[in-house]
């Protein structure tokens, strides 16, 4: 629920360069290899051009995707979410996109040409590549679990697993990589850096699915922080000694420059409904706060007996990822809602 660019341990420009170079390897002389994305696009052009079937319109789309002096394909690979949306808008305004995808409400299926583009913009190869794991490492998903950037509710992580036959340890990403702009609609954005969002399966597979997300209507974690646009609040007082939570959790929009951002992400990802199922964890947090705010704290009684430094309220809430620093939201599940309720 923060902007992922803000927590990257590697400058984004370096990640973009590495991503582009992975997709477009060159030989010792600097010439693009046949396996490069650009060369595969050119090969697809030639295949369609010499086909017995007339693919003139499809080749015009390919010309657009490559662009003069490779400018467009560079933008597709490394352009920010706003640039990617502009590319979509330009494509939809000037070409028949039904040549790529058959779209029916929230569902979409690729055409013959769309599947050709999908094979060129080869996400499957990227998914298990060193480039992908480097991206996950830069965003701090290696080494410990982190909350999903979309919902801040479910955890995602990268673990080591042992290969049975060789006893070698390899990394396994226990997460989805969501295509903010779905592959079933825009296969040419399948390996665009800012279109690849580490996420939980509930957000990606169960809820977002093939919905037509846009940077202008939904929150792309590389574009903006949910934390900058919305605050959670409890609809009634949370009493730490309540046995059965009776409070609800809702949201307020933050007005920026006289306007508020669309609530489409909240609605489509069912954020409020999902957070409400975690009310018992919210109550647990406030029980801990209560113990440090006039209640008896057994840990500090023990620390006093051995002469150790006492735990503070800041120590306690910090264990829940609650602090004045909004970037700490990336550390612990539910840290966003707990932070909002605590500092309200």
C-alpha atoms as a PDB file:
ATOM      1  CA  UNK A   1       0.000   0.000   0.000  1.00  0.00           C
ATOM      2  CA  UNK A   2       3.041   2.185  -0.465  1.00  0.00           C
ATOM      3  CA  UNK A   3       4.814   3.210  -3.652  1.00  0.00           C
ATOM      4  CA  UNK A   4       7.205   0.352  -4.410  1.00  0.00           C
ATOM      5  CA  UNK A   5       9.690   2.763  -5.952  1.00  0.00           C
ATOM      6  CA  UNK A   6      10.161   4.312  -2.501  1.00  0.00           C
ATOM      7  CA  UNK A   7      11.350   1.097  -0.827  1.00  0.00           C
ATOM      8  CA  UNK A   8      13.533  -0.361  -3.571  1.00  0.00           C
ATOM      9  CA  UNK A   9      17.060  -1.022  -2.293  1.00  0.00           C
ATOM     10  CA  UNK A  10      18.368  -0.534  -5.828  1.00  0.00           C
ATOM     11  CA  UNK A  11      17.756   2.659  -7.826  1.00  0.00           C
ATOM     12  CA  UNK A  12      14.827   2.045 -10.152  1.00  0.00           C
ATOM     13  CA  UNK A  13      16.831   3.230 -13.165  1.00  0.00           C
ATOM     14  CA  UNK A  14      19.334   0.407 -12.537  1.00  0.00           C
ATOM     15  CA  UNK A  15      16.532  -2.145 -12.267  1.00  0.00           C
ATOM     16  CA  UNK A  16      15.080  -0.867 -15.535  1.00  0.00           C
ATOM     17  CA  UNK A  17      18.430  -1.155 -17.316  1.00  0.00           C
ATOM     18  CA  UNK A  18      18.908  -4.701 -16.034  1.00  0.00           C
ATOM     19  CA  UNK A  19      15.365  -5.612 -17.067  1.00  0.00           C
ATOM     20  CA  UNK A  20      15.824  -4.232 -20.588  1.00  0.00           C
ATOM     21  CA  UNK A  21      19.180  -5.991 -20.999  1.00  0.00           C
ATOM     22  CA  UNK A  22      17.729  -9.305 -19.800  1.00  0.00           C
ATOM     23  CA  UNK A  23      15.004  -9.102 -22.428  1.00  0.00           C
ATOM     24  CA  UNK A  24      17.400  -7.980 -25.162  1.00  0.00           C
ATOM     25  CA  UNK A  25      20.727  -9.817 -24.812  1.00  0.00           C
ATOM     26  CA  UNK A  26      23.545  -8.987 -27.244  1.00  0.00           C
ATOM     27  CA  UNK A  27      26.632 -10.798 -28.495  1.00  0.00           C
ATOM     28  CA  UNK A  28      30.230  -9.688 -27.996  1.00  0.00           C
ATOM     29  CA  UNK A  29      29.893  -7.101 -30.758  1.00  0.00           C
ATOM     30  CA  UNK A  30      26.735  -5.581 -29.280  1.00  0.00           C
ATOM     31  CA  UNK A  31      24.414  -7.141 -31.862  1.00  0.00           C
ATOM     32  CA  UNK A  32      21.013  -8.277 -30.600  1.00  0.00           C
ATOM     33  CA  UNK A  33      20.701 -12.053 -30.293  1.00  0.00           C
ATOM     34  CA  UNK A  34      17.914 -13.900 -32.089  1.00  0.00           C
ATOM     35  CA  UNK A  35      16.413 -14.654 -28.661  1.00  0.00           C
ATOM     36  CA  UNK A  36      16.016 -10.965 -27.859  1.00  0.00           C
ATOM     37  CA  UNK A  37      12.502  -9.556 -27.633  1.00  0.00           C
ATOM     38  CA  UNK A  38      13.175  -7.047 -30.398  1.00  0.00           C
ATOM     39  CA  UNK A  39      14.495  -9.678 -32.816  1.00  0.00           C
ATOM     40  CA  UNK A  40      11.562 -11.964 -32.029  1.00  0.00           C
ATOM     41  CA  UNK A  41       9.187  -9.108 -32.883  1.00  0.00           C
ATOM     42  CA  UNK A  42      10.984  -8.565 -36.182  1.00  0.00           C
ATOM     43  CA  UNK A  43      10.822 -12.311 -36.903  1.00  0.00           C
ATOM     44  CA  UNK A  44       7.089 -12.272 -36.220  1.00  0.00           C
ATOM     45  CA  UNK A  45       6.739  -9.406 -38.687  1.00  0.00           C
ATOM     46  CA  UNK A  46       8.488 -11.453 -41.350  1.00  0.00           C
ATOM     47  CA  UNK A  47       6.429 -14.553 -40.561  1.00  0.00           C
ATOM     48  CA  UNK A  48       3.155 -12.668 -40.996  1.00  0.00           C
ATOM     49  CA  UNK A  49       4.373 -10.753 -44.036  1.00  0.00           C
ATOM     50  CA  UNK A  50       5.152 -13.929 -45.959  1.00  0.00           C
ATOM     51  CA  UNK A  51       2.078 -15.817 -44.777  1.00  0.00           C
ATOM     52  CA  UNK A  52      -0.549 -16.870 -47.319  1.00  0.00           C
ATOM     53  CA  UNK A  53      -3.118 -15.103 -45.127  1.00  0.00           C
ATOM     54  CA  UNK A  54      -3.342 -11.316 -45.264  1.00  0.00           C
ATOM     55  CA  UNK A  55      -1.999  -9.994 -41.976  1.00  0.00           C
ATOM     56  CA  UNK A  56      -1.557  -6.386 -43.117  1.00  0.00           C
ATOM     57  CA  UNK A  57      -3.468  -4.935 -40.158  1.00  0.00           C
ATOM     58  CA  UNK A  58      -1.607  -7.111 -37.671  1.00  0.00           C
ATOM     59  CA  UNK A  59       1.734  -6.012 -39.133  1.00  0.00           C
ATOM     60  CA  UNK A  60       0.679  -2.392 -38.753  1.00  0.00           C
ATOM     61  CA  UNK A  61       0.193  -3.074 -35.044  1.00  0.00           C
ATOM     62  CA  UNK A  62       3.660  -4.635 -34.905  1.00  0.00           C
ATOM     63  CA  UNK A  63       5.134  -1.555 -36.594  1.00  0.00           C
ATOM     64  CA  UNK A  64       3.445   0.547 -33.924  1.00  0.00           C
ATOM     65  CA  UNK A  65       4.754  -1.612 -31.066  1.00  0.00           C
ATOM     66  CA  UNK A  66       8.334  -1.454 -32.341  1.00  0.00           C
ATOM     67  CA  UNK A  67       8.206   2.242 -33.190  1.00  0.00           C
ATOM     68  CA  UNK A  68      10.647   4.498 -34.985  1.00  0.00           C
ATOM     69  CA  UNK A  69      14.216   3.953 -33.751  1.00  0.00           C
ATOM     70  CA  UNK A  70      12.814   1.380 -31.275  1.00  0.00           C
ATOM     71  CA  UNK A  71      11.376   4.191 -29.132  1.00  0.00           C
ATOM     72  CA  UNK A  72       8.005   2.511 -28.616  1.00  0.00           C
ATOM     73  CA  UNK A  73       9.398  -0.880 -27.645  1.00  0.00           C
ATOM     74  CA  UNK A  74      11.734   0.869 -25.208  1.00  0.00           C
ATOM     75  CA  UNK A  75       8.723   2.586 -23.658  1.00  0.00           C
ATOM     76  CA  UNK A  76       6.829  -0.708 -23.511  1.00  0.00           C
ATOM     77  CA  UNK A  77       9.657  -2.397 -21.611  1.00  0.00           C
ATOM     78  CA  UNK A  78      10.635   0.416 -19.236  1.00  0.00           C
ATOM     79  CA  UNK A  79       7.861   3.034 -19.377  1.00  0.00           C
ATOM     80  CA  UNK A  80       6.101   3.973 -16.136  1.00  0.00           C
ATOM     81  CA  UNK A  81       2.400   3.107 -15.617  1.00  0.00           C
ATOM     82  CA  UNK A  82       1.248   6.426 -17.078  1.00  0.00           C
ATOM     83  CA  UNK A  83       3.308   5.855 -20.230  1.00  0.00           C
ATOM     84  CA  UNK A  84       1.927   2.318 -20.538  1.00  0.00           C
ATOM     85  CA  UNK A  85      -1.613   3.637 -20.303  1.00  0.00           C
ATOM     86  CA  UNK A  86      -0.851   6.225 -22.978  1.00  0.00           C
ATOM     87  CA  UNK A  87       0.388   3.422 -25.232  1.00  0.00           C
ATOM     88  CA  UNK A  88      -2.861   1.536 -24.671  1.00  0.00           C
ATOM     89  CA  UNK A  89      -4.906   4.655 -25.386  1.00  0.00           C
ATOM     90  CA  UNK A  90      -3.005   5.324 -28.609  1.00  0.00           C
ATOM     91  CA  UNK A  91      -3.340   1.724 -29.740  1.00  0.00           C
ATOM     92  CA  UNK A  92      -7.075   1.662 -29.018  1.00  0.00           C
ATOM     93  CA  UNK A  93      -7.592   4.974 -30.815  1.00  0.00           C
ATOM     94  CA  UNK A  94      -5.779   3.969 -33.997  1.00  0.00           C
ATOM     95  CA  UNK A  95      -6.095   0.202 -34.404  1.00  0.00           C
ATOM     96  CA  UNK A  96      -8.666  -2.555 -34.174  1.00  0.00           C
ATOM     97  CA  UNK A  97      -7.725  -4.134 -30.833  1.00  0.00           C
ATOM     98  CA  UNK A  98     -10.106  -7.048 -31.466  1.00  0.00           C
ATOM     99  CA  UNK A  99      -7.248  -8.351 -33.623  1.00  0.00           C
ATOM    100  CA  UNK A 100      -5.391  -8.919 -30.329  1.00  0.00           C
ATOM    101  CA  UNK A 101      -8.062  -9.749 -27.759  1.00  0.00           C
ATOM    102  CA  UNK A 102     -11.747 -10.546 -27.630  1.00  0.00           C
ATOM    103  CA  UNK A 103     -13.040  -8.611 -24.639  1.00  0.00           C
ATOM    104  CA  UNK A 104     -16.386  -9.281 -22.986  1.00  0.00           C
ATOM    105  CA  UNK A 105     -16.906  -7.277 -19.808  1.00  0.00           C
ATOM    106  CA  UNK A 106     -14.480  -8.506 -17.160  1.00  0.00           C
ATOM    107  CA  UNK A 107     -13.379 -11.454 -19.313  1.00  0.00           C
ATOM    108  CA  UNK A 108     -10.981 -11.464 -22.258  1.00  0.00           C
ATOM    109  CA  UNK A 109      -9.387 -14.075 -24.518  1.00  0.00           C
ATOM    110  CA  UNK A 110      -6.496 -13.725 -26.916  1.00  0.00           C
ATOM    111  CA  UNK A 111      -6.850 -14.152 -30.662  1.00  0.00           C
ATOM    112  CA  UNK A 112      -4.398 -16.039 -32.888  1.00  0.00           C
ATOM    113  CA  UNK A 113      -2.385 -12.829 -33.253  1.00  0.00           C
ATOM    114  CA  UNK A 114      -2.704 -12.075 -29.541  1.00  0.00           C
ATOM    115  CA  UNK A 115      -1.208 -15.458 -28.719  1.00  0.00           C
ATOM    116  CA  UNK A 116       1.647 -14.751 -31.137  1.00  0.00           C
ATOM    117  CA  UNK A 117       2.364 -11.561 -29.185  1.00  0.00           C
ATOM    118  CA  UNK A 118       2.133 -13.505 -25.934  1.00  0.00           C
ATOM    119  CA  UNK A 119       4.827 -15.913 -27.149  1.00  0.00           C
ATOM    120  CA  UNK A 120       7.117 -13.012 -28.076  1.00  0.00           C
ATOM    121  CA  UNK A 121       6.581 -11.139 -24.819  1.00  0.00           C
ATOM    122  CA  UNK A 122       7.502 -14.307 -22.977  1.00  0.00           C
ATOM    123  CA  UNK A 123       6.442 -13.863 -19.351  1.00  0.00           C
ATOM    124  CA  UNK A 124       6.882 -17.549 -18.463  1.00  0.00           C
ATOM    125  CA  UNK A 125      10.629 -17.399 -19.110  1.00  0.00           C
ATOM    126  CA  UNK A 126      10.921 -14.174 -17.140  1.00  0.00           C
ATOM    127  CA  UNK A 127       8.982 -15.556 -14.148  1.00  0.00           C
ATOM    128  CA  UNK A 128      11.735 -17.998 -13.157  1.00  0.00           C
ATOM    129  CA  UNK A 129      14.695 -15.917 -14.264  1.00  0.00           C
ATOM    130  CA  UNK A 130      17.466 -14.346 -12.200  1.00  0.00           C
ATOM    131  CA  UNK A 131      16.126 -10.986 -13.377  1.00  0.00           C
ATOM    132  CA  UNK A 132      12.793 -11.686 -11.709  1.00  0.00           C
ATOM    133  CA  UNK A 133      14.388 -12.761  -8.428  1.00  0.00           C
ATOM    134  CA  UNK A 134      16.645  -9.704  -8.503  1.00  0.00           C
ATOM    135  CA  UNK A 135      13.553  -7.524  -8.785  1.00  0.00           C
ATOM    136  CA  UNK A 136      11.942  -9.332  -5.858  1.00  0.00           C
ATOM    137  CA  UNK A 137      15.115  -8.913  -3.833  1.00  0.00           C
ATOM    138  CA  UNK A 138      15.310  -5.193  -4.545  1.00  0.00           C
ATOM    139  CA  UNK A 139      11.731  -4.863  -3.270  1.00  0.00           C
ATOM    140  CA  UNK A 140      12.660  -6.739  -0.049  1.00  0.00           C
ATOM    141  CA  UNK A 141      10.652  -9.898  -0.692  1.00  0.00           C
ATOM    142  CA  UNK A 142      13.734 -12.102  -0.295  1.00  0.00           C
ATOM    143  CA  UNK A 143      14.695 -13.234   3.188  1.00  0.00           C
ATOM    144  CA  UNK A 144      11.408 -12.530   4.982  1.00  0.00           C
ATOM    145  CA  UNK A 145       7.714 -12.331   4.303  1.00  0.00           C
ATOM    146  CA  UNK A 146       6.163  -9.009   3.362  1.00  0.00           C
ATOM    147  CA  UNK A 147       2.558  -7.965   2.876  1.00  0.00           C
ATOM    148  CA  UNK A 148       1.014  -7.883  -0.588  1.00  0.00           C
ATOM    149  CA  UNK A 149       1.427  -4.354  -2.047  1.00  0.00           C
ATOM    150  CA  UNK A 150      -2.205  -4.326  -3.165  1.00  0.00           C
ATOM    151  CA  UNK A 151      -3.994  -5.332   0.043  1.00  0.00           C
ATOM    152  CA  UNK A 152      -1.455  -5.270   2.924  1.00  0.00           C
ATOM    153  CA  UNK A 153      -3.411  -8.253   4.302  1.00  0.00           C
ATOM    154  CA  UNK A 154      -1.788 -11.427   2.951  1.00  0.00           C
ATOM    155  CA  UNK A 155       1.906 -12.243   3.144  1.00  0.00           C
ATOM    156  CA  UNK A 156       4.136 -13.151   0.210  1.00  0.00           C
ATOM    157  CA  UNK A 157       7.722 -14.377   0.290  1.00  0.00           C
ATOM    158  CA  UNK A 158      10.637 -16.017  -1.474  1.00  0.00           C
ATOM    159  CA  UNK A 159      11.966 -19.215   0.110  1.00  0.00           C
ATOM    160  CA  UNK A 160      14.741 -21.717  -0.546  1.00  0.00           C
ATOM    161  CA  UNK A 161      13.796 -25.277  -1.446  1.00  0.00           C
ATOM    162  CA  UNK A 162      15.937 -28.364  -1.993  1.00  0.00           C
ATOM    163  CA  UNK A 163      15.866 -30.095  -5.353  1.00  0.00           C
ATOM    164  CA  UNK A 164      15.267 -33.814  -4.744  1.00  0.00           C
ATOM    165  CA  UNK A 165      17.658 -35.246  -7.313  1.00  0.00           C
ATOM    166  CA  UNK A 166      20.630 -32.917  -6.798  1.00  0.00           C
ATOM    167  CA  UNK A 167      20.106 -31.726  -3.204  1.00  0.00           C
ATOM    168  CA  UNK A 168      20.762 -28.245  -4.597  1.00  0.00           C
ATOM    169  CA  UNK A 169      18.889 -25.379  -2.987  1.00  0.00           C
ATOM    170  CA  UNK A 170      16.967 -23.090  -5.313  1.00  0.00           C
ATOM    171  CA  UNK A 171      14.675 -20.148  -4.704  1.00  0.00           C
ATOM    172  CA  UNK A 172      10.919 -20.435  -4.964  1.00  0.00           C
ATOM    173  CA  UNK A 173       8.669 -17.377  -5.060  1.00  0.00           C
ATOM    174  CA  UNK A 174       5.525 -18.043  -3.016  1.00  0.00           C
ATOM    175  CA  UNK A 175       3.639 -15.230  -4.644  1.00  0.00           C
ATOM    176  CA  UNK A 176       1.877 -14.191  -7.789  1.00  0.00           C
ATOM    177  CA  UNK A 177       3.176 -11.574 -10.168  1.00  0.00           C
ATOM    178  CA  UNK A 178       0.105  -9.696 -11.273  1.00  0.00           C
ATOM    179  CA  UNK A 179      -0.101  -7.994 -14.632  1.00  0.00           C
ATOM    180  CA  UNK A 180      -1.685  -4.667 -13.717  1.00  0.00           C
ATOM    181  CA  UNK A 181      -2.696  -4.403 -17.378  1.00  0.00           C
ATOM    182  CA  UNK A 182      -3.869  -8.010 -17.931  1.00  0.00           C
ATOM    183  CA  UNK A 183      -2.068 -10.251 -20.416  1.00  0.00           C
ATOM    184  CA  UNK A 184      -5.413 -11.457 -21.730  1.00  0.00           C
ATOM    185  CA  UNK A 185      -6.060  -7.899 -22.940  1.00  0.00           C
ATOM    186  CA  UNK A 186      -2.569  -6.501 -23.523  1.00  0.00           C
ATOM    187  CA  UNK A 187      -0.077  -9.349 -24.188  1.00  0.00           C
ATOM    188  CA  UNK A 188       2.485  -6.822 -25.454  1.00  0.00           C
ATOM    189  CA  UNK A 189       2.790  -5.539 -21.856  1.00  0.00           C
ATOM    190  CA  UNK A 190       3.446  -9.001 -20.402  1.00  0.00           C
ATOM    191  CA  UNK A 191       7.068  -8.225 -19.474  1.00  0.00           C
ATOM    192  CA  UNK A 192       6.832  -4.457 -18.996  1.00  0.00           C
ATOM    193  CA  UNK A 193       8.666  -3.741 -15.748  1.00  0.00           C
ATOM    194  CA  UNK A 194       6.002  -1.510 -14.204  1.00  0.00           C
ATOM    195  CA  UNK A 195       3.283  -3.961 -15.197  1.00  0.00           C
ATOM    196  CA  UNK A 196       4.706  -6.719 -12.983  1.00  0.00           C
ATOM    197  CA  UNK A 197       3.316  -6.410  -9.446  1.00  0.00           C
ATOM    198  CA  UNK A 198       4.325  -8.946  -6.766  1.00  0.00           C
ATOM    199  CA  UNK A 199       1.023  -9.844  -5.135  1.00  0.00           C
ATOM    200  CA  UNK A 200      -0.948 -12.436  -3.216  1.00  0.00           C
ATOM    201  CA  UNK A 201      -3.147 -14.956  -5.024  1.00  0.00           C
ATOM    202  CA  UNK A 202      -6.306 -13.553  -3.425  1.00  0.00           C
ATOM    203  CA  UNK A 203      -5.738 -10.164  -5.032  1.00  0.00           C
ATOM    204  CA  UNK A 204      -4.523 -11.554  -8.341  1.00  0.00           C
ATOM    205  CA  UNK A 205      -6.277 -14.831  -9.096  1.00  0.00           C
ATOM    206  CA  UNK A 206      -9.384 -14.635  -6.922  1.00  0.00           C
ATOM    207  CA  UNK A 207     -10.383 -11.000  -7.312  1.00  0.00           C
ATOM    208  CA  UNK A 208      -8.532  -8.989  -9.948  1.00  0.00           C
ATOM    209  CA  UNK A 209      -8.453 -11.736 -12.577  1.00  0.00           C
ATOM    210  CA  UNK A 210      -8.826 -10.179 -16.065  1.00  0.00           C
ATOM    211  CA  UNK A 211     -10.415  -6.901 -14.979  1.00  0.00           C
ATOM    212  CA  UNK A 212      -9.442  -3.899 -17.065  1.00  0.00           C
ATOM    213  CA  UNK A 213      -7.320  -1.965 -14.563  1.00  0.00           C
ATOM    214  CA  UNK A 214      -5.985   1.445 -15.626  1.00  0.00           C
ATOM    215  CA  UNK A 215      -3.535   3.779 -13.913  1.00  0.00           C
ATOM    216  CA  UNK A 216      -6.186   6.492 -14.086  1.00  0.00           C
ATOM    217  CA  UNK A 217      -8.769   4.409 -12.205  1.00  0.00           C
ATOM    218  CA  UNK A 218      -6.851   1.897 -10.064  1.00  0.00           C
ATOM    219  CA  UNK A 219      -3.777   2.110  -7.871  1.00  0.00           C
ATOM    220  CA  UNK A 220      -0.635   0.671  -9.428  1.00  0.00           C
ATOM    221  CA  UNK A 221       1.863   0.282  -6.542  1.00  0.00           C
ATOM    222  CA  UNK A 222       4.635   1.549  -8.804  1.00  0.00           C
ATOM    223  CA  UNK A 223       2.682   4.701  -9.599  1.00  0.00           C
ATOM    224  CA  UNK A 224       1.152   5.862  -6.334  1.00  0.00           C
ATOM    225  CA  UNK A 225       0.706   4.845  -2.717  1.00  0.00           C
ATOM    226  CA  UNK A 226      -2.698   3.748  -1.482  1.00  0.00           C
ATOM    227  CA  UNK A 227      -1.613   5.308   1.824  1.00  0.00           C
ATOM    228  CA  UNK A 228      -1.590   8.747   0.188  1.00  0.00           C
ATOM    229  CA  UNK A 229      -5.218   8.502  -0.929  1.00  0.00           C
ATOM    230  CA  UNK A 230      -7.162   6.582   1.721  1.00  0.00           C
ATOM    231  CA  UNK A 231      -7.358   6.194   5.494  1.00  0.00           C
ATOM    232  CA  UNK A 232      -9.079   3.432   7.447  1.00  0.00           C
ATOM    233  CA  UNK A 233     -11.128   4.131  10.551  1.00  0.00           C
ATOM    234  CA  UNK A 234     -13.212   2.194  13.077  1.00  0.00           C
ATOM    235  CA  UNK A 235     -16.925   2.910  12.999  1.00  0.00           C
ATOM    236  CA  UNK A 236     -17.129   2.636  16.810  1.00  0.00           C
ATOM    237  CA  UNK A 237     -14.792   2.669  19.791  1.00  0.00           C
ATOM    238  CA  UNK A 238     -12.539  -0.365  20.005  1.00  0.00           C
ATOM    239  CA  UNK A 239     -12.578  -1.675  23.583  1.00  0.00           C
ATOM    240  CA  UNK A 240      -9.526  -3.868  24.287  1.00  0.00           C
ATOM    241  CA  UNK A 241     -11.477  -6.109  26.680  1.00  0.00           C
ATOM    242  CA  UNK A 242     -14.231  -6.950  24.202  1.00  0.00           C
ATOM    243  CA  UNK A 243     -14.512 -10.706  23.714  1.00  0.00           C
ATOM    244  CA  UNK A 244     -16.414 -10.423  20.428  1.00  0.00           C
ATOM    245  CA  UNK A 245     -15.468  -7.539  18.155  1.00  0.00           C
ATOM    246  CA  UNK A 246     -18.499  -5.377  17.492  1.00  0.00           C
ATOM    247  CA  UNK A 247     -16.768  -2.581  15.598  1.00  0.00           C
ATOM    248  CA  UNK A 248     -16.511  -2.238  11.826  1.00  0.00           C
ATOM    249  CA  UNK A 249     -13.719  -0.803   9.679  1.00  0.00           C
ATOM    250  CA  UNK A 250     -14.337   1.632   6.852  1.00  0.00           C
ATOM    251  CA  UNK A 251     -12.365   4.106   4.733  1.00  0.00           C
ATOM    252  CA  UNK A 252     -12.136   7.826   4.058  1.00  0.00           C
ATOM    253  CA  UNK A 253     -10.784   9.425   0.904  1.00  0.00           C
ATOM    254  CA  UNK A 254      -7.975  11.956   1.199  1.00  0.00           C
ATOM    255  CA  UNK A 255      -8.648  15.071  -0.837  1.00  0.00           C
ATOM    256  CA  UNK A 256      -5.580  16.174  -2.801  1.00  0.00           C
ATOM    257  CA  UNK A 257      -5.781  19.374  -4.818  1.00  0.00           C
ATOM    258  CA  UNK A 258      -9.526  19.452  -4.338  1.00  0.00           C
ATOM    259  CA  UNK A 259     -10.108  15.960  -5.749  1.00  0.00           C
ATOM    260  CA  UNK A 260     -10.100  12.392  -4.482  1.00  0.00           C
ATOM    261  CA  UNK A 261      -8.874   9.309  -6.317  1.00  0.00           C
ATOM    262  CA  UNK A 262     -11.159   6.556  -7.606  1.00  0.00           C
ATOM    263  CA  UNK A 263     -12.165   3.843  -5.114  1.00  0.00           C
ATOM    264  CA  UNK A 264     -12.043   1.163  -7.824  1.00  0.00           C
ATOM    265  CA  UNK A 265      -9.113  -0.673  -6.230  1.00  0.00           C
ATOM    266  CA  UNK A 266     -10.943  -0.840  -2.890  1.00  0.00           C
ATOM    267  CA  UNK A 267     -14.072  -2.142  -4.584  1.00  0.00           C
ATOM    268  CA  UNK A 268     -12.513  -4.617  -7.027  1.00  0.00           C
ATOM    269  CA  UNK A 269     -10.098  -6.093  -4.463  1.00  0.00           C
ATOM    270  CA  UNK A 270     -12.802  -6.201  -1.737  1.00  0.00           C
ATOM    271  CA  UNK A 271     -10.419  -4.520   0.682  1.00  0.00           C
ATOM    272  CA  UNK A 272     -12.935  -3.409   3.311  1.00  0.00           C
ATOM    273  CA  UNK A 273     -14.696  -6.773   3.423  1.00  0.00           C
ATOM    274  CA  UNK A 274     -11.370  -8.616   3.747  1.00  0.00           C
ATOM    275  CA  UNK A 275     -10.044  -6.295   6.434  1.00  0.00           C
ATOM    276  CA  UNK A 276     -13.232  -6.728   8.454  1.00  0.00           C
ATOM    277  CA  UNK A 277     -12.509 -10.460   8.718  1.00  0.00           C
ATOM    278  CA  UNK A 278      -9.286  -9.468  10.557  1.00  0.00           C
ATOM    279  CA  UNK A 279     -11.017  -7.499  13.322  1.00  0.00           C
ATOM    280  CA  UNK A 280      -9.803  -9.983  15.923  1.00  0.00           C
ATOM    281  CA  UNK A 281      -6.198  -9.103  15.003  1.00  0.00           C
ATOM    282  CA  UNK A 282      -6.977  -5.401  15.239  1.00  0.00           C
ATOM    283  CA  UNK A 283      -8.430  -5.999  18.699  1.00  0.00           C
ATOM    284  CA  UNK A 284      -5.344  -7.979  19.692  1.00  0.00           C
ATOM    285  CA  UNK A 285      -3.183  -5.005  18.745  1.00  0.00           C
ATOM    286  CA  UNK A 286      -5.186  -2.665  20.973  1.00  0.00           C
ATOM    287  CA  UNK A 287      -4.977  -5.140  23.848  1.00  0.00           C
ATOM    288  CA  UNK A 288      -1.188  -4.910  23.577  1.00  0.00           C
ATOM    289  CA  UNK A 289      -1.375  -1.112  23.483  1.00  0.00           C
ATOM    290  CA  UNK A 290      -3.619  -1.161  26.570  1.00  0.00           C
ATOM    291  CA  UNK A 291      -1.080  -3.226  28.534  1.00  0.00           C
ATOM    292  CA  UNK A 292       1.535  -0.543  27.960  1.00  0.00           C
ATOM    293  CA  UNK A 293      -0.880   2.239  28.748  1.00  0.00           C
ATOM    294  CA  UNK A 294      -1.731   1.603  32.395  1.00  0.00           C
ATOM    295  CA  UNK A 295      -2.203  -2.151  32.253  1.00  0.00           C
ATOM    296  CA  UNK A 296       0.036  -4.843  33.751  1.00  0.00           C
ATOM    297  CA  UNK A 297       2.794  -6.029  31.432  1.00  0.00           C
ATOM    298  CA  UNK A 298       4.271  -9.366  32.438  1.00  0.00           C
ATOM    299  CA  UNK A 299       7.256  -8.947  30.129  1.00  0.00           C
ATOM    300  CA  UNK A 300       8.390  -5.811  31.929  1.00  0.00           C
ATOM    301  CA  UNK A 301       7.879  -7.450  35.347  1.00  0.00           C
ATOM    302  CA  UNK A 302      10.255 -10.177  34.186  1.00  0.00           C
ATOM    303  CA  UNK A 303      12.742  -7.668  32.773  1.00  0.00           C
ATOM    304  CA  UNK A 304      12.706  -5.737  36.068  1.00  0.00           C
ATOM    305  CA  UNK A 305      13.550  -8.897  37.982  1.00  0.00           C
ATOM    306  CA  UNK A 306      16.715  -9.482  35.957  1.00  0.00           C
ATOM    307  CA  UNK A 307      17.708  -5.826  35.574  1.00  0.00           C
ATOM    308  CA  UNK A 308      17.061  -5.740  31.812  1.00  0.00           C
ATOM    309  CA  UNK A 309      15.850  -2.690  29.932  1.00  0.00           C
ATOM    310  CA  UNK A 310      12.085  -2.363  29.881  1.00  0.00           C
ATOM    311  CA  UNK A 311      10.057  -2.662  26.718  1.00  0.00           C
ATOM    312  CA  UNK A 312       8.342   0.544  25.659  1.00  0.00           C
ATOM    313  CA  UNK A 313       5.031   1.215  23.968  1.00  0.00           C
ATOM    314  CA  UNK A 314       6.999   2.096  20.826  1.00  0.00           C
ATOM    315  CA  UNK A 315       8.658  -1.349  20.975  1.00  0.00           C
ATOM    316  CA  UNK A 316       5.276  -3.028  21.231  1.00  0.00           C
ATOM    317  CA  UNK A 317       3.542  -1.220  18.395  1.00  0.00           C
ATOM    318  CA  UNK A 318       6.680  -1.457  16.282  1.00  0.00           C
ATOM    319  CA  UNK A 319       6.326  -5.251  16.380  1.00  0.00           C
ATOM    320  CA  UNK A 320       3.033  -4.734  14.551  1.00  0.00           C
ATOM    321  CA  UNK A 321       4.671  -2.521  11.927  1.00  0.00           C
ATOM    322  CA  UNK A 322       3.068   0.609  13.364  1.00  0.00           C
ATOM    323  CA  UNK A 323       5.251   3.701  13.316  1.00  0.00           C
ATOM    324  CA  UNK A 324       5.110   7.307  12.077  1.00  0.00           C
ATOM    325  CA  UNK A 325       7.110   6.221   9.002  1.00  0.00           C
ATOM    326  CA  UNK A 326       4.612   5.195   6.284  1.00  0.00           C
ATOM    327  CA  UNK A 327       7.235   3.000   4.578  1.00  0.00           C
ATOM    328  CA  UNK A 328       7.024   0.614   7.554  1.00  0.00           C
ATOM    329  CA  UNK A 329       3.665  -0.466   6.125  1.00  0.00           C
ATOM    330  CA  UNK A 330       5.736  -2.722   3.845  1.00  0.00           C
ATOM    331  CA  UNK A 331       7.043  -4.677   6.855  1.00  0.00           C
ATOM    332  CA  UNK A 332       4.003  -6.300   8.478  1.00  0.00           C
ATOM    333  CA  UNK A 333       0.586  -7.477   7.363  1.00  0.00           C
ATOM    334  CA  UNK A 334      -2.271  -5.118   8.377  1.00  0.00           C
ATOM    335  CA  UNK A 335       0.242  -2.391   9.298  1.00  0.00           C
ATOM    336  CA  UNK A 336      -1.701   0.135   7.199  1.00  0.00           C
ATOM    337  CA  UNK A 337      -5.032  -0.292   8.990  1.00  0.00           C
ATOM    338  CA  UNK A 338      -3.369  -0.507  12.431  1.00  0.00           C
ATOM    339  CA  UNK A 339      -1.343   2.630  11.744  1.00  0.00           C
ATOM    340  CA  UNK A 340      -4.428   4.530  10.628  1.00  0.00           C
ATOM    341  CA  UNK A 341      -6.462   3.472  13.670  1.00  0.00           C
ATOM    342  CA  UNK A 342      -3.636   4.158  16.122  1.00  0.00           C
ATOM    343  CA  UNK A 343      -2.711   7.615  14.800  1.00  0.00           C
ATOM    344  CA  UNK A 344      -6.258   8.731  13.960  1.00  0.00           C
END
